[in-house]
C-alpha atoms as a PDB file:
ATOM      1  CA  UNK A   1       0.093  -0.350   0.227  1.00  0.00           C
ATOM      2  CA  UNK A   2       1.339   3.595  -1.047  1.00  0.00           C
ATOM      3  CA  UNK A   3       1.377   5.598   1.832  1.00  0.00           C
ATOM      4  CA  UNK A   4       2.879   9.299   1.636  1.00  0.00           C
ATOM      5  CA  UNK A   5       2.380  12.240   4.716  1.00  0.00           C
ATOM      6  CA  UNK A   6       3.302  15.869   4.375  1.00  0.00           C
ATOM      7  CA  UNK A   7       3.411  18.877   6.582  1.00  0.00           C
ATOM      8  CA  UNK A   8       4.388  22.798   6.019  1.00  0.00           C
ATOM      9  CA  UNK A   9       6.077  22.030   9.356  1.00  0.00           C
ATOM     10  CA  UNK A  10       8.855  20.714   7.590  1.00  0.00           C
ATOM     11  CA  UNK A  11       9.664  23.691   5.624  1.00  0.00           C
ATOM     12  CA  UNK A  12      11.258  27.305   6.806  1.00  0.00           C
ATOM     13  CA  UNK A  13       7.769  29.788   6.987  1.00  0.00           C
ATOM     14  CA  UNK A  14       8.734  31.700   3.356  1.00  0.00           C
ATOM     15  CA  UNK A  15       8.679  28.385   1.753  1.00  0.00           C
ATOM     16  CA  UNK A  16       5.579  26.865   3.138  1.00  0.00           C
ATOM     17  CA  UNK A  17       3.125  28.445   0.621  1.00  0.00           C
ATOM     18  CA  UNK A  18       4.903  26.753  -2.235  1.00  0.00           C
ATOM     19  CA  UNK A  19       5.756  24.054  -0.627  1.00  0.00           C
ATOM     20  CA  UNK A  20       1.601  23.226  -0.254  1.00  0.00           C
ATOM     21  CA  UNK A  21       1.137  24.029  -3.594  1.00  0.00           C
ATOM     22  CA  UNK A  22       3.196  21.094  -4.934  1.00  0.00           C
ATOM     23  CA  UNK A  23       1.930  18.829  -2.304  1.00  0.00           C
ATOM     24  CA  UNK A  24      -1.791  19.841  -3.389  1.00  0.00           C
ATOM     25  CA  UNK A  25      -0.266  19.224  -7.074  1.00  0.00           C
ATOM     26  CA  UNK A  26       0.703  15.489  -6.084  1.00  0.00           C
ATOM     27  CA  UNK A  27      -3.279  15.088  -5.353  1.00  0.00           C
ATOM     28  CA  UNK A  28      -3.933  16.801  -8.658  1.00  0.00           C
ATOM     29  CA  UNK A  29      -5.912  19.266  -6.607  1.00  0.00           C
ATOM     30  CA  UNK A  30      -5.609  22.808  -8.646  1.00  0.00           C
ATOM     31  CA  UNK A  31      -4.826  25.484  -6.291  1.00  0.00           C
ATOM     32  CA  UNK A  32      -6.675  28.301  -5.888  1.00  0.00           C
ATOM     33  CA  UNK A  33      -6.252  31.321  -3.167  1.00  0.00           C
ATOM     34  CA  UNK A  34      -3.683  31.060  -0.332  1.00  0.00           C
ATOM     35  CA  UNK A  35      -3.419  33.372   2.122  1.00  0.00           C
ATOM     36  CA  UNK A  36      -0.621  35.510   1.682  1.00  0.00           C
ATOM     37  CA  UNK A  37       1.112  34.834   5.357  1.00  0.00           C
ATOM     38  CA  UNK A  38       4.369  32.968   6.097  1.00  0.00           C
ATOM     39  CA  UNK A  39       2.223  31.473   8.889  1.00  0.00           C
ATOM     40  CA  UNK A  40      -0.107  29.385   6.739  1.00  0.00           C
ATOM     41  CA  UNK A  41      -0.143  25.915   7.772  1.00  0.00           C
ATOM     42  CA  UNK A  42      -1.291  22.527   5.752  1.00  0.00           C
ATOM     43  CA  UNK A  43      -0.674  18.793   5.959  1.00  0.00           C
ATOM     44  CA  UNK A  44      -1.539  15.636   4.298  1.00  0.00           C
ATOM     45  CA  UNK A  45      -1.855  12.031   5.036  1.00  0.00           C
ATOM     46  CA  UNK A  46      -2.532  10.002   2.030  1.00  0.00           C
ATOM     47  CA  UNK A  47      -2.735   6.147   0.667  1.00  0.00           C
ATOM     48  CA  UNK A  48      -3.820   4.382  -2.050  1.00  0.00           C
ATOM     49  CA  UNK A  49      -5.274   1.127  -2.060  1.00  0.00           C
ATOM     50  CA  UNK A  50      -5.001  -2.106  -3.559  1.00  0.00           C
ATOM     51  CA  UNK A  51      -7.929  -1.219  -6.023  1.00  0.00           C
ATOM     52  CA  UNK A  52      -6.090   2.288  -6.850  1.00  0.00           C
ATOM     53  CA  UNK A  53      -8.392   4.516  -4.844  1.00  0.00           C
ATOM     54  CA  UNK A  54      -6.901   7.288  -3.430  1.00  0.00           C
ATOM     55  CA  UNK A  55      -7.908   8.487   0.307  1.00  0.00           C
ATOM     56  CA  UNK A  56      -6.276  11.748   1.428  1.00  0.00           C
ATOM     57  CA  UNK A  57      -6.911  13.502   4.851  1.00  0.00           C
ATOM     58  CA  UNK A  58      -6.055  17.446   4.472  1.00  0.00           C
ATOM     59  CA  UNK A  59      -5.700  19.845   7.657  1.00  0.00           C
ATOM     60  CA  UNK A  60      -5.005  23.038   6.737  1.00  0.00           C
ATOM     61  CA  UNK A  61      -6.006  27.020   6.912  1.00  0.00           C
ATOM     62  CA  UNK A  62      -8.336  28.781   5.266  1.00  0.00           C
ATOM     63  CA  UNK A  63      -7.880  28.891   1.101  1.00  0.00           C
ATOM     64  CA  UNK A  64      -9.307  27.842  -2.168  1.00  0.00           C
ATOM     65  CA  UNK A  65      -8.947  24.769  -4.367  1.00  0.00           C
ATOM     66  CA  UNK A  66     -10.161  25.685  -7.428  1.00  0.00           C
ATOM     67  CA  UNK A  67      -9.896  24.920 -11.680  1.00  0.00           C
ATOM     68  CA  UNK A  68      -9.402  21.457 -13.076  1.00  0.00           C
ATOM     69  CA  UNK A  69      -6.523  19.291 -13.216  1.00  0.00           C
ATOM     70  CA  UNK A  70      -6.959  17.751 -16.729  1.00  0.00           C
ATOM     71  CA  UNK A  71      -3.576  15.555 -16.784  1.00  0.00           C
ATOM     72  CA  UNK A  72      -5.376  12.580 -14.804  1.00  0.00           C
ATOM     73  CA  UNK A  73      -6.777   9.477 -15.188  1.00  0.00           C
ATOM     74  CA  UNK A  74     -10.443   9.377 -15.494  1.00  0.00           C
ATOM     75  CA  UNK A  75     -12.153   8.839 -12.004  1.00  0.00           C
ATOM     76  CA  UNK A  76     -14.616   9.986  -9.333  1.00  0.00           C
ATOM     77  CA  UNK A  77     -13.796  12.231  -6.621  1.00  0.00           C
ATOM     78  CA  UNK A  78     -15.676  12.668  -3.641  1.00  0.00           C
ATOM     79  CA  UNK A  79     -14.742  15.211  -0.510  1.00  0.00           C
ATOM     80  CA  UNK A  80     -16.024  14.728   3.045  1.00  0.00           C
ATOM     81  CA  UNK A  81     -16.131  18.068   4.894  1.00  0.00           C
ATOM     82  CA  UNK A  82     -15.204  16.744   8.433  1.00  0.00           C
ATOM     83  CA  UNK A  83     -14.490  20.429  10.319  1.00  0.00           C
ATOM     84  CA  UNK A  84     -14.813  23.733   9.090  1.00  0.00           C
ATOM     85  CA  UNK A  85     -16.708  25.913   6.772  1.00  0.00           C
ATOM     86  CA  UNK A  86     -16.869  25.316   3.018  1.00  0.00           C
ATOM     87  CA  UNK A  87     -18.690  26.151   0.153  1.00  0.00           C
ATOM     88  CA  UNK A  88     -18.807  24.461  -3.381  1.00  0.00           C
ATOM     89  CA  UNK A  89     -19.290  26.577  -6.510  1.00  0.00           C
ATOM     90  CA  UNK A  90     -19.813  25.168  -9.756  1.00  0.00           C
ATOM     91  CA  UNK A  91     -20.646  28.363 -11.969  1.00  0.00           C
ATOM     92  CA  UNK A  92     -23.545  29.897 -10.641  1.00  0.00           C
ATOM     93  CA  UNK A  93     -24.294  27.153  -8.505  1.00  0.00           C
ATOM     94  CA  UNK A  94     -23.123  27.629  -4.792  1.00  0.00           C
ATOM     95  CA  UNK A  95     -23.572  24.586  -2.001  1.00  0.00           C
ATOM     96  CA  UNK A  96     -22.750  25.439   1.515  1.00  0.00           C
ATOM     97  CA  UNK A  97     -21.212  22.370   3.385  1.00  0.00           C
ATOM     98  CA  UNK A  98     -21.631  21.383   6.631  1.00  0.00           C
ATOM     99  CA  UNK A  99     -19.717  19.179   8.390  1.00  0.00           C
ATOM    100  CA  UNK A 100     -20.642  15.284   7.079  1.00  0.00           C
ATOM    101  CA  UNK A 101     -21.619  16.780   3.839  1.00  0.00           C
ATOM    102  CA  UNK A 102     -20.028  15.479   1.066  1.00  0.00           C
ATOM    103  CA  UNK A 103     -19.551  16.300  -2.573  1.00  0.00           C
ATOM    104  CA  UNK A 104     -18.076  14.842  -5.619  1.00  0.00           C
ATOM    105  CA  UNK A 105     -17.728  15.089  -9.205  1.00  0.00           C
ATOM    106  CA  UNK A 106     -15.775  13.763 -12.089  1.00  0.00           C
ATOM    107  CA  UNK A 107     -12.124  14.332 -12.522  1.00  0.00           C
ATOM    108  CA  UNK A 108     -10.991  16.904 -15.122  1.00  0.00           C
ATOM    109  CA  UNK A 109     -14.028  19.279 -14.774  1.00  0.00           C
ATOM    110  CA  UNK A 110     -13.571  22.698 -13.007  1.00  0.00           C
ATOM    111  CA  UNK A 111     -14.701  23.476  -9.401  1.00  0.00           C
ATOM    112  CA  UNK A 112     -14.316  25.685  -6.749  1.00  0.00           C
ATOM    113  CA  UNK A 113     -13.799  24.269  -2.884  1.00  0.00           C
ATOM    114  CA  UNK A 114     -13.759  27.597  -0.767  1.00  0.00           C
ATOM    115  CA  UNK A 115     -12.941  26.724   2.705  1.00  0.00           C
ATOM    116  CA  UNK A 116     -13.534  30.202   4.704  1.00  0.00           C
ATOM    117  CA  UNK A 117     -11.978  28.989   8.219  1.00  0.00           C
ATOM    118  CA  UNK A 118      -9.255  25.930   9.310  1.00  0.00           C
ATOM    119  CA  UNK A 119     -10.769  23.058   7.841  1.00  0.00           C
ATOM    120  CA  UNK A 120     -10.473  19.158   7.851  1.00  0.00           C
ATOM    121  CA  UNK A 121     -11.321  17.500   4.613  1.00  0.00           C
ATOM    122  CA  UNK A 122     -11.295  13.696   3.331  1.00  0.00           C
ATOM    123  CA  UNK A 123     -10.568  13.441  -0.111  1.00  0.00           C
ATOM    124  CA  UNK A 124     -11.272  10.300  -2.301  1.00  0.00           C
ATOM    125  CA  UNK A 125     -10.438   9.475  -5.844  1.00  0.00           C
ATOM    126  CA  UNK A 126     -11.740   6.248  -7.413  1.00  0.00           C
ATOM    127  CA  UNK A 127     -10.589   5.203 -10.269  1.00  0.00           C
ATOM    128  CA  UNK A 128     -13.425   4.333 -13.092  1.00  0.00           C
ATOM    129  CA  UNK A 129     -11.874   0.162 -12.934  1.00  0.00           C
ATOM    130  CA  UNK A 130     -13.007  -0.061  -9.501  1.00  0.00           C
ATOM    131  CA  UNK A 131     -16.464   1.493 -10.306  1.00  0.00           C
ATOM    132  CA  UNK A 132     -17.425   0.486 -13.677  1.00  0.00           C
ATOM    133  CA  UNK A 133     -19.742  -0.808 -14.806  1.00  0.00           C
ATOM    134  CA  UNK A 134     -21.763  -0.478 -11.808  1.00  0.00           C
ATOM    135  CA  UNK A 135     -22.378   3.240 -12.130  1.00  0.00           C
ATOM    136  CA  UNK A 136     -24.460   3.992 -14.513  1.00  0.00           C
ATOM    137  CA  UNK A 137     -23.185   6.596 -17.091  1.00  0.00           C
ATOM    138  CA  UNK A 138     -20.081   7.622 -15.169  1.00  0.00           C
ATOM    139  CA  UNK A 139     -18.853  10.137 -18.096  1.00  0.00           C
ATOM    140  CA  UNK A 140     -22.182  12.290 -17.634  1.00  0.00           C
ATOM    141  CA  UNK A 141     -21.667  12.906 -13.936  1.00  0.00           C
ATOM    142  CA  UNK A 142     -21.655  16.330 -12.753  1.00  0.00           C
ATOM    143  CA  UNK A 143     -20.910  18.070  -9.474  1.00  0.00           C
ATOM    144  CA  UNK A 144     -23.301  17.804  -6.734  1.00  0.00           C
ATOM    145  CA  UNK A 145     -23.842  17.420  -2.762  1.00  0.00           C
ATOM    146  CA  UNK A 146     -24.878  14.526  -0.627  1.00  0.00           C
ATOM    147  CA  UNK A 147     -26.063  15.886   2.613  1.00  0.00           C
ATOM    148  CA  UNK A 148     -24.749  13.671   5.670  1.00  0.00           C
ATOM    149  CA  UNK A 149     -27.712  14.574   7.965  1.00  0.00           C
ATOM    150  CA  UNK A 150     -29.574  11.205   7.116  1.00  0.00           C
ATOM    151  CA  UNK A 151     -30.055   8.383   5.498  1.00  0.00           C
ATOM    152  CA  UNK A 152     -27.656   6.043   3.603  1.00  0.00           C
ATOM    153  CA  UNK A 153     -25.520   9.293   3.089  1.00  0.00           C
ATOM    154  CA  UNK A 154     -25.160   9.661   6.898  1.00  0.00           C
ATOM    155  CA  UNK A 155     -23.678   5.794   7.102  1.00  0.00           C
ATOM    156  CA  UNK A 156     -21.330   6.456   4.420  1.00  0.00           C
ATOM    157  CA  UNK A 157     -20.298   9.815   5.895  1.00  0.00           C
ATOM    158  CA  UNK A 158     -19.853   8.069   9.309  1.00  0.00           C
ATOM    159  CA  UNK A 159     -17.796   5.531   7.692  1.00  0.00           C
ATOM    160  CA  UNK A 160     -15.467   7.782   5.901  1.00  0.00           C
ATOM    161  CA  UNK A 161     -14.943   9.804   8.950  1.00  0.00           C
ATOM    162  CA  UNK A 162     -14.120   6.813  11.036  1.00  0.00           C
ATOM    163  CA  UNK A 163     -11.547   5.692   7.864  1.00  0.00           C
ATOM    164  CA  UNK A 164     -10.117   9.426   8.322  1.00  0.00           C
ATOM    165  CA  UNK A 165      -9.498   8.827  12.150  1.00  0.00           C
ATOM    166  CA  UNK A 166      -7.385   5.760  11.275  1.00  0.00           C
ATOM    167  CA  UNK A 167      -5.978   6.563   8.103  1.00  0.00           C
ATOM    168  CA  UNK A 168      -2.104   6.277   8.697  1.00  0.00           C
ATOM    169  CA  UNK A 169      -2.724   3.114  10.897  1.00  0.00           C
ATOM    170  CA  UNK A 170      -4.820   0.971   8.600  1.00  0.00           C
ATOM    171  CA  UNK A 171      -3.254  -2.251   6.401  1.00  0.00           C
ATOM    172  CA  UNK A 172      -4.012  -3.324   3.149  1.00  0.00           C
ATOM    173  CA  UNK A 173      -6.168  -6.306   4.631  1.00  0.00           C
ATOM    174  CA  UNK A 174      -8.146  -4.179   6.524  1.00  0.00           C
ATOM    175  CA  UNK A 175      -8.794  -1.802   3.788  1.00  0.00           C
ATOM    176  CA  UNK A 176      -9.888  -3.863   1.385  1.00  0.00           C
ATOM    177  CA  UNK A 177     -13.402  -4.390   2.553  1.00  0.00           C
ATOM    178  CA  UNK A 178     -13.465  -1.080   3.057  1.00  0.00           C
ATOM    179  CA  UNK A 179     -13.307  -0.578  -0.830  1.00  0.00           C
ATOM    180  CA  UNK A 180     -15.802  -2.769  -1.492  1.00  0.00           C
ATOM    181  CA  UNK A 181     -18.241  -1.163   0.679  1.00  0.00           C
ATOM    182  CA  UNK A 182     -17.277   2.345  -0.329  1.00  0.00           C
ATOM    183  CA  UNK A 183     -18.118   1.079  -4.345  1.00  0.00           C
ATOM    184  CA  UNK A 184     -21.300   0.097  -3.289  1.00  0.00           C
ATOM    185  CA  UNK A 185     -22.094   3.324  -1.094  1.00  0.00           C
ATOM    186  CA  UNK A 186     -21.244   5.392  -4.138  1.00  0.00           C
ATOM    187  CA  UNK A 187     -23.685   3.115  -6.586  1.00  0.00           C
ATOM    188  CA  UNK A 188     -26.301   3.306  -4.203  1.00  0.00           C
ATOM    189  CA  UNK A 189     -25.864   6.972  -3.217  1.00  0.00           C
ATOM    190  CA  UNK A 190     -25.428   8.130  -6.651  1.00  0.00           C
ATOM    191  CA  UNK A 191     -27.728   6.491  -8.211  1.00  0.00           C
ATOM    192  CA  UNK A 192     -30.277   8.234  -6.399  1.00  0.00           C
ATOM    193  CA  UNK A 193     -29.005  11.826  -7.300  1.00  0.00           C
ATOM    194  CA  UNK A 194     -30.897  11.200 -10.912  1.00  0.00           C
ATOM    195  CA  UNK A 195     -30.426  14.878 -11.872  1.00  0.00           C
ATOM    196  CA  UNK A 196     -26.594  14.629 -11.730  1.00  0.00           C
ATOM    197  CA  UNK A 197     -26.508  12.183 -14.372  1.00  0.00           C
ATOM    198  CA  UNK A 198     -29.507  14.238 -16.557  1.00  0.00           C
ATOM    199  CA  UNK A 199     -32.089  11.285 -16.055  1.00  0.00           C
ATOM    200  CA  UNK A 200     -34.856  13.163 -15.447  1.00  0.00           C
ATOM    201  CA  UNK A 201     -38.644  11.915 -16.573  1.00  0.00           C
ATOM    202  CA  UNK A 202     -38.724   8.386 -18.892  1.00  0.00           C
ATOM    203  CA  UNK A 203     -34.869   8.215 -18.469  1.00  0.00           C
ATOM    204  CA  UNK A 204     -34.800   8.840 -14.638  1.00  0.00           C
ATOM    205  CA  UNK A 205     -37.436   5.927 -14.455  1.00  0.00           C
ATOM    206  CA  UNK A 206     -35.663   3.249 -17.075  1.00  0.00           C
ATOM    207  CA  UNK A 207     -32.073   4.030 -15.023  1.00  0.00           C
ATOM    208  CA  UNK A 208     -34.330   3.305 -11.744  1.00  0.00           C
ATOM    209  CA  UNK A 209     -35.504   0.029 -13.013  1.00  0.00           C
ATOM    210  CA  UNK A 210     -32.183  -0.974 -14.620  1.00  0.00           C
ATOM    211  CA  UNK A 211     -30.566  -0.186 -10.995  1.00  0.00           C
ATOM    212  CA  UNK A 212     -32.989  -2.755  -9.298  1.00  0.00           C
ATOM    213  CA  UNK A 213     -32.468  -4.978 -11.859  1.00  0.00           C
ATOM    214  CA  UNK A 214     -28.593  -4.729 -11.422  1.00  0.00           C
ATOM    215  CA  UNK A 215     -29.214  -5.446  -7.391  1.00  0.00           C
ATOM    216  CA  UNK A 216     -31.332  -8.693  -8.577  1.00  0.00           C
ATOM    217  CA  UNK A 217     -28.452  -9.683 -10.593  1.00  0.00           C
ATOM    218  CA  UNK A 218     -25.945  -9.056  -7.911  1.00  0.00           C
ATOM    219  CA  UNK A 219     -27.978 -11.715  -5.752  1.00  0.00           C
ATOM    220  CA  UNK A 220     -27.671 -14.381  -8.459  1.00  0.00           C
ATOM    221  CA  UNK A 221     -23.766 -14.091  -9.632  1.00  0.00           C
ATOM    222  CA  UNK A 222     -23.133 -17.346  -8.082  1.00  0.00           C
ATOM    223  CA  UNK A 223     -25.373 -19.295  -9.877  1.00  0.00           C
ATOM    224  CA  UNK A 224     -23.941 -20.640 -13.118  1.00  0.00           C
ATOM    225  CA  UNK A 225     -27.641 -20.947 -14.727  1.00  0.00           C
ATOM    226  CA  UNK A 226     -28.462 -17.590 -14.092  1.00  0.00           C
ATOM    227  CA  UNK A 227     -30.133 -16.336 -17.525  1.00  0.00           C
ATOM    228  CA  UNK A 228     -31.625 -12.881 -18.934  1.00  0.00           C
ATOM    229  CA  UNK A 229     -35.127 -14.761 -19.203  1.00  0.00           C
ATOM    230  CA  UNK A 230     -35.090 -15.228 -15.417  1.00  0.00           C
ATOM    231  CA  UNK A 231     -33.907 -12.070 -14.719  1.00  0.00           C
ATOM    232  CA  UNK A 232     -37.108 -10.371 -16.776  1.00  0.00           C
ATOM    233  CA  UNK A 233     -39.382 -12.838 -15.401  1.00  0.00           C
ATOM    234  CA  UNK A 234     -38.650 -11.752 -11.443  1.00  0.00           C
ATOM    235  CA  UNK A 235     -38.991  -7.900 -12.566  1.00  0.00           C
ATOM    236  CA  UNK A 236     -42.115  -8.509 -14.698  1.00  0.00           C
ATOM    237  CA  UNK A 237     -40.975  -6.855 -17.989  1.00  0.00           C
ATOM    238  CA  UNK A 238     -40.426  -8.705 -21.035  1.00  0.00           C
ATOM    239  CA  UNK A 239     -36.570  -9.718 -22.568  1.00  0.00           C
ATOM    240  CA  UNK A 240     -36.343  -7.299 -25.080  1.00  0.00           C
ATOM    241  CA  UNK A 241     -37.121  -4.364 -22.787  1.00  0.00           C
ATOM    242  CA  UNK A 242     -34.319  -5.315 -20.067  1.00  0.00           C
ATOM    243  CA  UNK A 243     -31.923  -6.092 -23.048  1.00  0.00           C
ATOM    244  CA  UNK A 244     -33.055  -2.339 -24.258  1.00  0.00           C
ATOM    245  CA  UNK A 245     -32.212  -0.945 -20.381  1.00  0.00           C
ATOM    246  CA  UNK A 246     -28.631  -2.314 -21.033  1.00  0.00           C
ATOM    247  CA  UNK A 247     -28.341  -1.089 -24.607  1.00  0.00           C
ATOM    248  CA  UNK A 248     -29.161   2.538 -23.433  1.00  0.00           C
ATOM    249  CA  UNK A 249     -26.830   2.581 -20.527  1.00  0.00           C
ATOM    250  CA  UNK A 250     -23.828   1.212 -23.227  1.00  0.00           C
ATOM    251  CA  UNK A 251     -23.751  -2.175 -21.570  1.00  0.00           C
ATOM    252  CA  UNK A 252     -25.545  -5.811 -22.213  1.00  0.00           C
ATOM    253  CA  UNK A 253     -26.910  -8.459 -19.489  1.00  0.00           C
ATOM    254  CA  UNK A 254     -23.878 -10.730 -20.567  1.00  0.00           C
ATOM    255  CA  UNK A 255     -21.179  -8.425 -20.519  1.00  0.00           C
ATOM    256  CA  UNK A 256     -22.746  -6.872 -17.249  1.00  0.00           C
ATOM    257  CA  UNK A 257     -22.889 -10.320 -15.662  1.00  0.00           C
ATOM    258  CA  UNK A 258     -19.583 -11.156 -17.076  1.00  0.00           C
ATOM    259  CA  UNK A 259     -17.885  -8.436 -15.315  1.00  0.00           C
ATOM    260  CA  UNK A 260     -19.870  -8.339 -11.836  1.00  0.00           C
ATOM    261  CA  UNK A 261     -18.079 -11.923 -11.498  1.00  0.00           C
ATOM    262  CA  UNK A 262     -14.960 -10.796 -12.314  1.00  0.00           C
ATOM    263  CA  UNK A 263     -15.004  -8.349  -9.927  1.00  0.00           C
ATOM    264  CA  UNK A 264     -16.156 -10.686  -7.246  1.00  0.00           C
ATOM    265  CA  UNK A 265     -13.539 -13.243  -7.938  1.00  0.00           C
ATOM    266  CA  UNK A 266     -11.037 -10.482  -8.125  1.00  0.00           C
ATOM    267  CA  UNK A 267     -11.846  -9.536  -4.431  1.00  0.00           C
ATOM    268  CA  UNK A 268     -11.882 -13.394  -3.114  1.00  0.00           C
ATOM    269  CA  UNK A 269      -8.464 -13.731  -4.789  1.00  0.00           C
ATOM    270  CA  UNK A 270      -6.820 -11.113  -2.544  1.00  0.00           C
ATOM    271  CA  UNK A 271      -9.229 -11.592   0.493  1.00  0.00           C
ATOM    272  CA  UNK A 272      -7.451 -13.329   3.699  1.00  0.00           C
ATOM    273  CA  UNK A 273     -11.044 -15.023   4.141  1.00  0.00           C
ATOM    274  CA  UNK A 274     -10.119 -16.864   0.755  1.00  0.00           C
ATOM    275  CA  UNK A 275      -6.804 -17.827   1.171  1.00  0.00           C
ATOM    276  CA  UNK A 276      -7.273 -20.919   1.253  1.00  0.00           C
ATOM    277  CA  UNK A 277      -9.634 -21.381  -2.048  1.00  0.00           C
ATOM    278  CA  UNK A 278      -7.908 -22.041  -5.241  1.00  0.00           C
ATOM    279  CA  UNK A 279      -8.323 -20.256  -8.047  1.00  0.00           C
ATOM    280  CA  UNK A 280     -10.625 -22.730  -9.644  1.00  0.00           C
ATOM    281  CA  UNK A 281     -12.916 -22.762  -6.813  1.00  0.00           C
ATOM    282  CA  UNK A 282     -13.026 -19.067  -6.489  1.00  0.00           C
ATOM    283  CA  UNK A 283     -14.087 -18.992 -10.052  1.00  0.00           C
ATOM    284  CA  UNK A 284     -16.672 -21.838  -9.648  1.00  0.00           C
ATOM    285  CA  UNK A 285     -17.875 -19.907  -6.275  1.00  0.00           C
ATOM    286  CA  UNK A 286     -19.250 -16.968  -8.603  1.00  0.00           C
ATOM    287  CA  UNK A 287     -20.778 -18.671 -11.591  1.00  0.00           C
ATOM    288  CA  UNK A 288     -17.994 -19.150 -14.392  1.00  0.00           C
ATOM    289  CA  UNK A 289     -18.220 -22.591 -15.800  1.00  0.00           C
ATOM    290  CA  UNK A 290     -14.690 -23.241 -16.404  1.00  0.00           C
ATOM    291  CA  UNK A 291     -11.332 -22.051 -14.657  1.00  0.00           C
ATOM    292  CA  UNK A 292      -9.858 -21.541 -18.559  1.00  0.00           C
ATOM    293  CA  UNK A 293     -12.666 -19.097 -19.759  1.00  0.00           C
ATOM    294  CA  UNK A 294     -12.492 -17.386 -16.514  1.00  0.00           C
ATOM    295  CA  UNK A 295      -8.537 -17.165 -16.985  1.00  0.00           C
ATOM    296  CA  UNK A 296      -8.923 -15.770 -20.315  1.00  0.00           C
ATOM    297  CA  UNK A 297     -11.701 -13.078 -19.258  1.00  0.00           C
ATOM    298  CA  UNK A 298      -9.741 -12.251 -16.326  1.00  0.00           C
ATOM    299  CA  UNK A 299      -6.662 -11.013 -18.028  1.00  0.00           C
ATOM    300  CA  UNK A 300      -8.956  -9.609 -20.886  1.00  0.00           C
ATOM    301  CA  UNK A 301     -10.353  -7.290 -18.094  1.00  0.00           C
ATOM    302  CA  UNK A 302      -7.470  -6.523 -16.242  1.00  0.00           C
ATOM    303  CA  UNK A 303      -4.269  -7.108 -18.511  1.00  0.00           C
ATOM    304  CA  UNK A 304      -3.084  -9.584 -16.105  1.00  0.00           C
ATOM    305  CA  UNK A 305      -3.516 -13.711 -15.191  1.00  0.00           C
ATOM    306  CA  UNK A 306      -5.374 -14.413 -11.723  1.00  0.00           C
ATOM    307  CA  UNK A 307      -2.305 -16.304 -10.405  1.00  0.00           C
ATOM    308  CA  UNK A 308      -0.263 -13.255 -11.459  1.00  0.00           C
ATOM    309  CA  UNK A 309      -2.714 -10.859  -9.690  1.00  0.00           C
ATOM    310  CA  UNK A 310      -2.836 -12.928  -6.459  1.00  0.00           C
ATOM    311  CA  UNK A 311       0.689 -13.093  -6.284  1.00  0.00           C
ATOM    312  CA  UNK A 312       1.178  -9.687  -6.529  1.00  0.00           C
ATOM    313  CA  UNK A 313      -1.284  -9.041  -3.970  1.00  0.00           C
ATOM    314  CA  UNK A 314      -3.960  -7.640  -6.038  1.00  0.00           C
ATOM    315  CA  UNK A 315      -2.313  -4.015  -7.217  1.00  0.00           C
ATOM    316  CA  UNK A 316      -3.667  -3.070 -10.356  1.00  0.00           C
ATOM    317  CA  UNK A 317      -2.916   0.535 -12.504  1.00  0.00           C
ATOM    318  CA  UNK A 318      -5.834   2.958 -12.413  1.00  0.00           C
END
């Protein structure tokens, strides 16, 4: 697990602002306005998980993080406000943020996070590899805010706050179940934000229906006899209509099932709870009918064989 830490305390006062700008650039966070004072204070603790998800705890004086940082891989970012006063500014829109509110958006899109007081913020950047194909139309995702005051977002904010508190102490093995939980939280939280995908009206209804179908598939992945007809029947829709839902999302039933099975296998390959299982046992556990077919599919998806992936501890390129 890649870990790094930074503090302005390690630099002479006259060098702190530039050192801070360099540290934010390492996180691909565009620098906006920083107070013109030699007493500026800031610290960062950052780690990158086996799936390539970046977690960074930022504790600093008031400032703006503003603009866009185009030279980075496609990903979705989240920012949980832990302490302080802040705003997310997106053109004419302005979101007032309270502690435990979560803001989000795609990388490469301009925005401003304005911190009006000293703050603690937990940034998470999840590569598309860790989210697709569960997150529908990720390229059309806009900027938005999730209130952490209630519901599933309150649970998500609590999990992230707890992770931020132990970020420098957690191990790879402890982080893996958090990775899986985080991706599930993201899918469910963002699925409720239809407007950020431009999915109102009939399009929103179709997206919600597809999400329910995907949830059903998730419970049936271990069944090697899983068929489109069975899922369509469970939801009371025609096979043709269900196939259309996947097509409109740029996917297909078979590709979706294969991708989700591969993700489940990938998680088990590096899970301490399944270290006693062979690769063949893992692939059969998630509905694959043959180990050779599974190995080819795994390599096509991740550019690495299951055996090499397991031996390397699960690290992949984002």
